[in-house]
Amino acid sequence: MNDLQLENITRVTRRQFFGASAGGIGATALASLLMNPTGHAAEPGQPGIPHFPPRARRVVMLWQGGGPSHVDLFDEKPVMQEMKGKDIPDTVRGTTRLSTMSSGYGKWPCQPAIKPFQKYGQAGISLSEMLPSVGGIADELCLVRSMYTEAVNHAPGVTFFLTGAQVPGRPSMGAWLSYGLGNSSENLPAFVVMTSSDKGKTCGQLFFDYYWGSGFLPSRYQGVRFRNTGDLVPYLANPPGVSREGRRALLDDIAAMNAAHLADYGDPEIDTRIAQYEMAFRMQTSVPGLVDFSGETKATLDRYGDDVQVKGTYANNCLVARRLLERGVRFVQLMHSGWDQHGNLFTQLEQQCKDTEGPSAALVQDLKERGMLDDTLVIWGGEFGRTPFGQGDPANPKGRDHFGKAFSWWLAGGGVKRGSVYGQTDDFGWNITADPVHVHDMQATIMHLSGIDHTKLTFRYQGRQYRLTDIHGNVVQGILG
């Protein structure tokens, strides 16, 4: 008998067990969901989790889609100024895998940073002058200059970081955390996603649902995407003529039927359906208040920038993210596109920084002032960096290509070492020379800060135990505070 046949027999036996059990799991699920019609206790996670006290009780991922240029923003390289226009030596380049857009180049003209760097904070962290607001929070940052990935194209790179594999189908990081730790909010999902773009100024990236999907985990753990046009969540409001009391009674009847169906079949997606109906009912009152900024001070709104009141902008999403976090949402994933400067590096990188670095810093400052930063992990980064050589005409390059061999991320709060720099690269920002941090290492570290041993949070699927980090990854002790 092969594994698939054995797994099918196990599935049938499980369904029979649920159906034969007195009351079944459906009755238990229904009782927990309906024990308080106006809102019930938060949903617990898996038994024994967290494995140890978490440093970060909340996580916000500020995803910068397209690949922010590390050599222009975070990793100062004076030698590149001296080498401007000259080919980067073969001894530096080695056999690095590059995208097809530049892998066949015969010239590798060194392109130094397009703007000067400055020292910021008491820590004296060197950052581009295009990042003055991020520089203002330098003493809160842990800047990692030694990230690396095998991915050389956008979708595989994003998928790798967010799900642990370059091929779609695995659960996303937010789904894993929701599955393991449960939901600490009574009236909002554990995992919320918002997207924004650069308003068409540079190449945009597509946002695929599997970036926040649940993969083979029950679908109740997938991220709930808040839309940037129209209603935040579609179909949340009652239809005309339907009262809240009428909706409550209808949901009670539907839940009872779903519970009976769940008792017969034991399908976890029925349990998901029951839970999502109930969450939608509670979100009818909790979601509208998220975008009501009337209680925010003028100083707070000014800090996030001119776009903060414009729905769907990065600034607006950052403020909504803070409001979600303080209401108990466990994982907030903001995805912003526009960092893919192949041919407009000199005209658009600075504008992209203006759109995003102020709100990013404002979120960190806001969390700190509210006493939330110590147990909220803020992560800023993209799928890879950009090439140290210029892309386009070798005599007059105007952009940079994708580059995964070395690049930078920054983190703040949630147990990371404040005012620190981790990792080093060579004089060209090409090769890591100290403390490399792989995709799976960063995933393991984020899980660790959340109170989870990444090797122990697993889910059995197709005959094997899966985890976010696959069979890899080590916690990066050097970035822990």
Protein backbone atom coordinates (compact mmCIF):
# COMPACT_ATOMS: atom_id res chain seq x y z
CA MET A 1 0.00 0.00 0.00
CA ASN A 2 1.46 3.36 -0.96
CA ASP A 3 1.41 6.59 1.08
CA LEU A 4 -1.45 8.12 -0.91
CA GLN A 5 -3.69 5.07 -0.34
CA LEU A 6 -2.88 5.10 3.35
CA GLU A 7 -3.60 8.82 3.56
CA ASN A 8 -6.99 8.35 1.85
CA ILE A 9 -7.93 5.59 4.30
CA THR A 10 -6.92 7.85 7.18
CA ARG A 11 -9.11 10.65 5.77
CA VAL A 12 -12.17 8.37 5.51
CA THR A 13 -11.63 7.09 9.03
CA ARG A 14 -11.37 10.66 10.32
CA ARG A 15 -14.66 11.63 8.68
CA GLN A 16 -16.33 8.59 10.12
CA PHE A 17 -14.95 9.46 13.53
CA PHE A 18 -16.30 13.00 13.39
CA GLY A 19 -19.67 11.77 12.23
CA ALA A 20 -19.91 9.12 14.93
CA SER A 21 -18.69 11.34 17.77
CA ALA A 22 -21.47 12.51 20.07
CA GLY A 23 -22.14 16.04 18.97
CA GLY A 24 -19.08 15.95 16.71
CA ILE A 25 -16.55 18.70 16.30
CA GLY A 26 -19.23 20.83 14.68
CA ALA A 27 -21.15 21.22 17.91
CA THR A 28 -17.98 22.24 19.72
CA ALA A 29 -17.09 24.75 17.03
CA LEU A 30 -20.59 26.17 16.98
CA ALA A 31 -20.74 26.45 20.77
CA SER A 32 -17.47 28.38 20.87
CA LEU A 33 -18.54 30.68 18.06
CA LEU A 34 -21.97 31.42 19.48
CA MET A 35 -21.17 31.57 23.18
CA ASN A 36 -21.49 35.35 22.99
CA PRO A 37 -23.61 36.69 20.11
CA THR A 38 -22.05 40.15 20.39
CA GLY A 39 -18.43 38.99 20.23
CA HIS A 40 -16.54 36.03 21.64
CA ALA A 41 -13.16 35.23 23.09
CA ALA A 42 -10.14 35.33 20.81
CA GLU A 43 -9.29 32.14 18.93
CA PRO A 44 -6.49 30.06 20.49
CA GLY A 45 -3.54 28.76 18.52
CA GLN A 46 -2.01 25.31 18.46
CA PRO A 47 -1.33 23.43 21.74
CA GLY A 48 2.04 24.24 23.27
CA ILE A 49 2.54 27.39 21.19
CA PRO A 50 4.19 29.80 21.79
CA HIS A 51 7.14 27.55 22.53
CA PHE A 52 8.71 30.30 24.68
CA PRO A 53 7.80 33.86 25.68
CA PRO A 54 7.56 36.00 22.50
CA ARG A 55 9.50 39.22 22.14
CA ALA A 56 7.10 40.34 19.39
CA ARG A 57 3.37 39.97 19.95
CA ARG A 58 2.59 41.70 16.66
CA VAL A 59 4.39 41.85 13.30
CA VAL A 60 4.06 44.39 10.50
CA MET A 61 5.74 43.59 7.20
CA LEU A 62 6.45 46.68 5.09
CA TRP A 63 7.07 44.92 1.80
CA GLN A 64 8.81 47.02 -0.87
CA GLY A 65 8.12 45.22 -4.14
CA GLY A 66 10.60 45.44 -6.99
CA GLY A 67 13.95 45.33 -5.21
CA PRO A 68 15.20 48.48 -3.40
CA SER A 69 18.76 49.32 -4.38
CA HIS A 70 21.02 48.52 -1.43
CA VAL A 71 24.06 50.27 -2.92
CA ASP A 72 22.07 53.49 -3.35
CA LEU A 73 20.28 53.44 0.01
CA PHE A 74 21.82 51.31 2.75
CA ASP A 75 25.33 50.08 1.93
CA GLU A 76 27.82 52.90 1.34
CA LYS A 77 30.71 52.00 -0.97
CA PRO A 78 33.30 54.79 -1.49
CA VAL A 79 35.38 52.56 -3.79
CA MET A 80 32.53 52.55 -6.28
CA GLN A 81 32.88 56.32 -6.65
CA GLU A 82 36.51 55.83 -7.63
CA MET A 83 35.58 53.03 -10.05
CA LYS A 84 32.67 54.82 -11.72
CA GLY A 85 32.26 53.65 -15.32
CA LYS A 86 34.99 51.03 -15.07
CA ASP A 87 34.15 47.34 -15.32
CA ILE A 88 33.65 45.56 -12.01
CA PRO A 89 36.50 42.98 -11.90
CA ASP A 90 35.86 39.34 -12.80
CA THR A 91 37.29 38.36 -9.42
CA VAL A 92 34.40 40.19 -7.76
CA ARG A 93 31.66 39.03 -10.10
CA GLY A 94 32.58 35.36 -10.15
CA THR A 95 29.74 33.13 -11.36
CA THR A 96 26.88 35.08 -9.81
CA ARG A 97 23.49 34.18 -11.22
CA LEU A 98 21.85 37.22 -12.84
CA SER A 99 18.55 37.76 -14.61
CA THR A 100 18.40 37.23 -18.38
CA MET A 101 18.21 41.01 -18.80
CA SER A 102 21.88 41.39 -17.89
CA SER A 103 23.43 37.91 -17.69
CA GLY A 104 24.81 38.23 -21.23
CA TYR A 105 26.36 41.66 -20.79
CA GLY A 106 29.89 42.12 -22.03
CA LYS A 107 30.37 45.26 -19.95
CA TRP A 108 29.88 45.71 -16.21
CA PRO A 109 30.24 49.46 -15.61
CA CYS A 110 30.45 50.28 -11.93
CA GLN A 111 27.57 52.57 -10.97
CA PRO A 112 28.12 54.29 -7.61
CA ALA A 113 25.31 55.58 -5.41
CA ILE A 114 23.34 58.32 -7.11
CA LYS A 115 23.15 60.44 -3.93
CA PRO A 116 25.57 60.95 -1.01
CA PHE A 117 25.33 59.03 2.27
CA GLN A 118 25.16 60.54 5.77
CA LYS A 119 25.65 59.31 9.32
CA TYR A 120 22.43 59.17 11.33
CA GLY A 121 21.65 58.83 15.02
CA GLN A 122 23.93 58.26 17.97
CA ALA A 123 24.75 54.91 16.38
CA GLY A 124 26.16 56.74 13.34
CA ILE A 125 24.49 54.42 10.83
CA SER A 126 25.34 55.35 7.26
CA LEU A 127 22.26 55.81 5.05
CA SER A 128 21.48 57.68 1.85
CA GLU A 129 20.45 61.29 2.19
CA MET A 130 17.29 60.17 0.36
CA LEU A 131 16.21 58.55 3.65
CA PRO A 132 16.13 61.44 6.16
CA SER A 133 13.08 60.18 8.06
CA VAL A 134 14.44 56.66 8.34
CA GLY A 135 17.70 58.27 9.43
CA GLY A 136 15.70 59.98 12.17
CA ILE A 137 14.87 56.57 13.66
CA ALA A 138 18.37 55.12 13.09
CA ASP A 139 18.80 54.37 16.78
CA GLU A 140 15.74 52.11 16.66
CA LEU A 141 16.92 50.16 13.63
CA CYS A 142 18.72 46.91 13.10
CA LEU A 143 20.09 47.28 9.57
CA VAL A 144 20.95 43.94 7.97
CA ARG A 145 23.37 44.40 5.06
CA SER A 146 24.00 40.73 4.34
CA MET A 147 20.68 39.37 3.07
CA TYR A 148 20.82 36.96 0.13
CA THR A 149 18.49 34.84 -1.98
CA GLU A 150 18.66 32.47 -4.93
CA ALA A 151 15.72 34.17 -6.70
CA VAL A 152 16.46 36.53 -9.60
CA ASN A 153 12.92 37.43 -10.70
CA HIS A 154 10.15 39.20 -8.83
CA ALA A 155 7.33 36.71 -8.30
CA PRO A 156 9.62 33.81 -7.28
CA GLY A 157 11.57 36.16 -5.01
CA VAL A 158 8.49 37.49 -3.24
CA THR A 159 7.00 34.01 -2.98
CA PHE A 160 10.26 32.70 -1.50
CA PHE A 161 10.33 35.23 1.32
CA LEU A 162 6.64 35.11 2.13
CA THR A 163 6.01 31.35 1.79
CA GLY A 164 9.40 29.63 1.99
CA ALA A 165 9.39 28.33 -1.60
CA GLN A 166 9.79 29.98 -5.01
CA VAL A 167 6.86 27.97 -6.42
CA PRO A 168 3.36 29.03 -5.25
CA GLY A 169 1.31 26.71 -3.07
CA ARG A 170 2.82 26.96 0.41
CA PRO A 171 1.23 28.85 3.32
CA SER A 172 2.40 32.42 3.76
CA MET A 173 4.24 33.60 6.86
CA GLY A 174 1.18 35.41 8.19
CA ALA A 175 -0.88 32.25 7.76
CA TRP A 176 1.70 30.18 9.66
CA LEU A 177 1.72 32.67 12.54
CA SER A 178 -2.09 32.81 12.60
CA TYR A 179 -2.25 29.00 12.60
CA GLY A 180 0.34 28.63 15.34
CA LEU A 181 -0.56 31.52 17.62
CA GLY A 182 -4.27 32.03 16.96
CA ASN A 183 -6.13 35.32 16.92
CA SER A 184 -5.85 37.78 19.79
CA SER A 185 -8.51 40.12 18.36
CA GLU A 186 -12.21 39.52 18.96
CA ASN A 187 -13.46 41.63 16.08
CA LEU A 188 -10.77 41.59 13.41
CA PRO A 189 -8.84 38.88 11.51
CA ALA A 190 -5.47 37.77 12.80
CA PHE A 191 -3.85 38.50 9.43
CA VAL A 192 -4.63 41.58 7.32
CA VAL A 193 -3.09 42.64 4.00
CA MET A 194 -3.12 46.03 2.27
CA THR A 195 -1.55 46.96 -1.07
CA SER A 196 -0.44 50.20 -2.69
CA SER A 197 1.56 51.27 -5.72
CA ASP A 198 3.77 54.11 -6.83
CA LYS A 199 0.99 55.70 -8.90
CA GLY A 200 2.56 54.54 -12.15
CA LYS A 201 5.83 56.44 -11.80
CA THR A 202 7.95 53.28 -12.19
CA CYS A 203 7.46 49.63 -13.11
CA GLY A 204 4.71 48.17 -10.96
CA GLN A 205 4.59 44.65 -9.57
CA LEU A 206 1.53 42.42 -9.47
CA PHE A 207 0.10 41.34 -6.14
CA PHE A 208 -0.82 37.67 -6.26
CA ASP A 209 -3.25 36.20 -3.73
CA TYR A 210 -0.81 33.46 -2.82
CA TYR A 211 1.48 36.10 -1.27
CA TRP A 212 -0.93 36.04 1.67
CA GLY A 213 -2.58 32.66 1.05
CA SER A 214 -2.99 29.73 3.43
CA GLY A 215 -1.67 27.09 1.01
CA PHE A 216 -2.47 23.67 2.43
CA LEU A 217 -3.46 25.10 5.84
CA PRO A 218 -7.20 25.57 6.41
CA SER A 219 -8.29 28.69 4.55
CA ARG A 220 -9.38 30.45 7.74
CA TYR A 221 -5.70 31.32 8.23
CA GLN A 222 -5.22 33.20 4.94
CA GLY A 223 -4.79 36.96 5.00
CA VAL A 224 -7.84 39.18 4.63
CA ARG A 225 -7.09 41.79 2.00
CA PHE A 226 -8.41 45.30 2.66
CA ARG A 227 -9.14 46.95 -0.67
CA ASN A 228 -7.75 50.36 -1.61
CA THR A 229 -10.90 51.44 -3.46
CA GLY A 230 -14.54 51.24 -2.40
CA ASP A 231 -15.37 49.35 0.78
CA LEU A 232 -12.38 48.01 2.70
CA VAL A 233 -14.01 44.58 2.74
CA PRO A 234 -16.69 43.81 0.10
CA TYR A 235 -20.16 42.60 1.06
CA LEU A 236 -19.63 43.41 4.74
CA ALA A 237 -22.64 45.69 5.06
CA ASN A 238 -26.15 44.28 5.41
CA PRO A 239 -28.34 44.47 2.29
CA PRO A 240 -31.05 47.16 2.30
CA GLY A 241 -33.93 46.18 4.55
CA VAL A 242 -31.93 43.67 6.61
CA SER A 243 -31.41 44.65 10.25
CA ARG A 244 -28.47 43.62 12.37
CA GLU A 245 -30.80 41.50 14.49
CA GLY A 246 -32.13 39.80 11.38
CA ARG A 247 -28.62 39.10 10.16
CA ARG A 248 -27.71 37.64 13.56
CA ALA A 249 -30.67 35.27 13.48
CA LEU A 250 -29.86 34.21 9.91
CA LEU A 251 -26.23 33.50 10.80
CA ASP A 252 -27.31 31.44 13.80
CA ASP A 253 -29.43 29.21 11.57
CA ILE A 254 -26.69 28.91 8.91
CA ALA A 255 -24.13 28.08 11.59
CA ALA A 256 -26.34 25.34 12.98
CA MET A 257 -26.70 23.76 9.52
CA ASN A 258 -22.97 24.07 8.86
CA ALA A 259 -22.21 22.49 12.24
CA ALA A 260 -24.44 19.52 11.42
CA HIS A 261 -22.68 19.17 8.06
CA LEU A 262 -19.29 19.40 9.79
CA ALA A 263 -20.29 16.63 12.22
CA ASP A 264 -21.15 14.39 9.27
CA TYR A 265 -18.04 14.99 7.18
CA GLY A 266 -15.31 16.52 9.35
CA ASP A 267 -14.19 18.83 6.55
CA PRO A 268 -12.12 21.64 8.17
CA GLU A 269 -13.30 24.04 5.47
CA ILE A 270 -16.81 23.85 6.95
CA ASP A 271 -15.33 24.95 10.27
CA THR A 272 -13.66 27.78 8.36
CA ARG A 273 -16.98 28.78 6.84
CA ILE A 274 -18.62 28.99 10.28
CA ALA A 275 -15.74 31.06 11.66
CA GLN A 276 -15.65 33.44 8.70
CA TYR A 277 -19.38 34.14 8.83
CA GLU A 278 -19.00 35.08 12.48
CA MET A 279 -15.91 37.22 11.87
CA ALA A 280 -17.68 39.07 9.05
CA PHE A 281 -20.56 39.85 11.39
CA ARG A 282 -18.25 41.32 14.02
CA MET A 283 -16.26 43.23 11.40
CA GLN A 284 -19.40 45.14 10.46
CA THR A 285 -18.83 47.31 13.51
CA SER A 286 -15.03 47.13 13.83
CA VAL A 287 -13.89 47.90 10.27
CA PRO A 288 -15.54 51.31 9.66
CA GLY A 289 -13.75 52.80 12.66
CA LEU A 290 -10.36 51.81 11.28
CA VAL A 291 -10.44 54.53 8.63
CA ASP A 292 -11.99 57.19 10.83
CA PHE A 293 -8.98 59.36 11.61
CA SER A 294 -10.95 62.07 13.41
CA GLY A 295 -9.42 61.06 16.73
CA GLU A 296 -5.84 61.32 15.45
CA THR A 297 -3.87 64.43 16.34
CA LYS A 298 -2.72 66.84 13.67
CA ALA A 299 0.88 66.07 14.64
CA THR A 300 0.31 62.37 14.00
CA LEU A 301 -1.33 62.96 10.63
CA ASP A 302 1.41 65.40 9.60
CA ARG A 303 4.07 62.85 10.50
CA TYR A 304 2.65 60.32 8.03
CA GLY A 305 2.66 62.91 5.25
CA ASP A 306 0.35 64.59 2.77
CA ASP A 307 -1.08 61.33 1.42
CA VAL A 308 -2.22 59.98 4.78
CA GLN A 309 -5.86 60.92 4.15
CA VAL A 310 -5.83 59.48 0.61
CA LYS A 311 -7.23 55.97 0.71
CA GLY A 312 -5.04 53.30 -0.83
CA THR A 313 -1.76 55.19 -0.53
CA TYR A 314 1.21 53.79 1.32
CA ALA A 315 0.95 56.54 3.93
CA ASN A 316 -2.73 55.80 4.53
CA ASN A 317 -2.03 52.08 4.81
CA CYS A 318 0.74 52.69 7.36
CA LEU A 319 -1.61 54.57 9.66
CA VAL A 320 -4.35 51.96 9.23
CA ALA A 321 -1.70 49.34 10.05
CA ARG A 322 -0.96 51.01 13.38
CA ARG A 323 -4.67 51.11 14.17
CA LEU A 324 -4.99 47.42 13.31
CA LEU A 325 -2.03 46.50 15.51
CA GLU A 326 -3.38 48.36 18.52
CA ARG A 327 -6.70 46.53 18.07
CA GLY A 328 -5.00 43.16 18.38
CA VAL A 329 -4.32 42.11 14.79
CA ARG A 330 -1.32 39.79 14.91
CA PHE A 331 0.20 40.14 11.43
CA VAL A 332 -0.20 43.12 9.08
CA GLN A 333 1.34 42.88 5.62
CA LEU A 334 1.66 46.08 3.58
CA MET A 335 2.75 45.51 -0.01
CA HIS A 336 3.96 48.47 -2.04
CA SER A 337 5.23 48.27 -5.61
CA GLY A 338 7.57 50.51 -7.56
CA TRP A 339 11.19 49.71 -6.68
CA ASP A 340 12.01 48.14 -10.06
CA GLN A 341 14.20 50.87 -11.56
CA HIS A 342 15.67 49.28 -14.70
CA GLY A 343 15.87 52.45 -16.76
CA ASN A 344 14.83 55.36 -14.54
CA LEU A 345 17.04 55.05 -11.47
CA PHE A 346 18.13 58.68 -11.60
CA THR A 347 14.64 60.10 -11.97
CA GLN A 348 12.46 57.82 -9.86
CA LEU A 349 14.38 56.26 -6.97
CA GLU A 350 14.35 59.51 -5.01
CA GLN A 351 10.63 59.95 -5.61
CA GLN A 352 9.96 56.40 -4.45
CA CYS A 353 11.86 57.15 -1.26
CA LYS A 354 9.81 60.32 -0.71
CA ASP A 355 6.59 58.34 -1.02
CA THR A 356 7.56 55.59 1.42
CA GLU A 357 10.37 56.40 3.83
CA GLY A 358 8.44 59.07 5.75
CA PRO A 359 5.38 56.89 6.48
CA SER A 360 7.63 53.92 7.34
CA ALA A 361 9.52 55.98 9.91
CA ALA A 362 6.27 57.53 11.16
CA LEU A 363 4.87 54.08 11.91
CA VAL A 364 7.94 53.20 14.00
CA GLN A 365 7.77 56.52 15.87
CA ASP A 366 4.03 56.17 16.39
CA LEU A 367 4.40 52.68 17.84
CA LYS A 368 7.18 53.84 20.14
CA GLU A 369 5.19 56.79 21.48
CA ARG A 370 2.27 54.48 22.25
CA GLY A 371 4.47 52.02 24.10
CA MET A 372 3.97 49.34 21.44
CA LEU A 373 7.33 49.18 19.68
CA ASP A 374 9.04 46.92 22.20
CA ASP A 375 6.63 44.09 21.41
CA THR A 376 5.88 44.92 17.77
CA LEU A 377 8.30 43.74 15.10
CA VAL A 378 8.56 46.10 12.11
CA ILE A 379 10.21 44.63 8.99
CA TRP A 380 11.15 46.66 5.88
CA GLY A 381 12.52 44.96 2.77
CA GLY A 382 11.99 43.56 -0.70
CA GLU A 383 12.70 40.40 -2.65
CA PHE A 384 16.28 41.36 -3.59
CA GLY A 385 18.53 44.36 -4.24
CA ARG A 386 19.91 45.91 -7.44
CA THR A 387 23.11 45.31 -9.38
CA PRO A 388 26.21 47.34 -8.48
CA PHE A 389 26.75 47.79 -12.22
CA GLY A 390 24.61 50.04 -14.35
CA GLN A 391 21.99 48.68 -16.74
CA GLY A 392 21.50 49.90 -20.29
CA ASP A 393 24.04 51.71 -22.44
CA PRO A 394 27.43 50.94 -20.84
CA ALA A 395 28.56 54.47 -21.60
CA ASN A 396 25.48 56.00 -19.97
CA PRO A 397 23.58 53.46 -17.84
CA LYS A 398 20.24 54.62 -16.48
CA GLY A 399 19.17 51.77 -14.22
CA ARG A 400 20.07 48.66 -12.27
CA ASP A 401 18.96 45.04 -12.72
CA HIS A 402 17.78 42.51 -10.11
CA PHE A 403 20.43 41.30 -7.68
CA GLY A 404 20.05 38.61 -5.02
CA LYS A 405 23.68 37.92 -4.06
CA ALA A 406 23.67 40.65 -1.39
CA PHE A 407 21.18 43.29 -0.29
CA SER A 408 19.76 45.07 2.76
CA TRP A 409 16.72 45.00 5.03
CA TRP A 410 15.95 46.87 8.23
CA LEU A 411 13.99 45.83 11.30
CA ALA A 412 12.83 47.70 14.40
CA GLY A 413 11.25 46.85 17.75
CA GLY A 414 10.06 43.40 18.73
CA GLY A 415 13.30 42.20 20.31
CA VAL A 416 15.89 43.22 17.70
CA LYS A 417 19.13 44.99 18.59
CA ARG A 418 18.57 48.76 18.44
CA GLY A 419 20.95 51.08 16.58
CA SER A 420 22.92 48.24 15.05
CA VAL A 421 24.27 47.04 11.72
CA TYR A 422 24.59 43.34 11.00
CA GLY A 423 26.60 41.82 8.16
CA GLN A 424 29.07 43.22 5.64
CA THR A 425 29.63 43.17 1.90
CA ASP A 426 32.72 43.81 -0.23
CA ASP A 427 33.73 47.15 -1.75
CA PHE A 428 31.11 46.78 -4.48
CA GLY A 429 28.16 45.53 -2.42
CA TRP A 430 28.43 42.35 -4.49
CA ASN A 431 29.67 39.58 -2.18
CA ILE A 432 28.86 39.08 1.49
CA THR A 433 32.05 39.14 3.55
CA ALA A 434 30.60 38.63 7.04
CA ASP A 435 27.46 37.18 8.66
CA PRO A 436 25.30 36.10 5.68
CA VAL A 437 21.53 35.97 6.27
CA HIS A 438 19.57 33.70 3.95
CA VAL A 439 15.82 33.89 3.28
CA HIS A 440 15.19 30.94 5.60
CA ASP A 441 17.41 32.44 8.31
CA MET A 442 15.32 35.60 8.36
CA GLN A 443 12.10 33.56 8.44
CA ALA A 444 13.45 31.50 11.35
CA THR A 445 14.37 34.70 13.20
CA ILE A 446 10.96 36.29 12.71
CA MET A 447 9.32 33.12 14.00
CA HIS A 448 11.71 33.05 16.97
CA LEU A 449 10.90 36.63 17.92
CA SER A 450 7.22 35.65 17.79
CA GLY A 451 7.81 32.85 20.30
CA ILE A 452 7.97 29.98 17.83
CA ASP A 453 10.65 27.38 17.22
CA HIS A 454 10.51 27.27 13.42
CA THR A 455 11.47 23.59 13.37
CA LYS A 456 8.48 22.62 15.50
CA LEU A 457 5.59 24.46 13.84
CA THR A 458 4.69 21.98 11.10
CA PHE A 459 1.68 20.71 9.16
CA ARG A 460 1.36 17.30 7.55
CA TYR A 461 0.56 17.43 3.84
CA GLN A 462 1.03 14.86 1.07
CA GLY A 463 2.87 12.48 3.35
CA ARG A 464 5.39 14.83 4.97
CA GLN A 465 5.63 17.49 7.64
CA TYR A 466 6.00 20.96 6.14
CA ARG A 467 7.18 24.14 7.80
CA LEU A 468 7.78 27.73 6.68
CA THR A 469 11.54 27.25 6.51
CA ASP A 470 11.32 23.86 4.72
CA ILE A 471 14.37 21.95 6.02
CA HIS A 472 16.63 24.99 6.37
CA GLY A 473 17.13 28.14 8.40
CA ASN A 474 18.91 29.23 11.56
CA VAL A 475 17.93 31.97 13.98
CA VAL A 476 20.26 34.96 13.50
CA GLN A 477 21.40 35.52 17.07
CA GLY A 478 23.39 38.62 16.15
CA ILE A 479 20.31 40.72 15.45
CA LEU A 480 18.52 39.82 18.69
CA GLY A 481 18.50 42.52 21.36
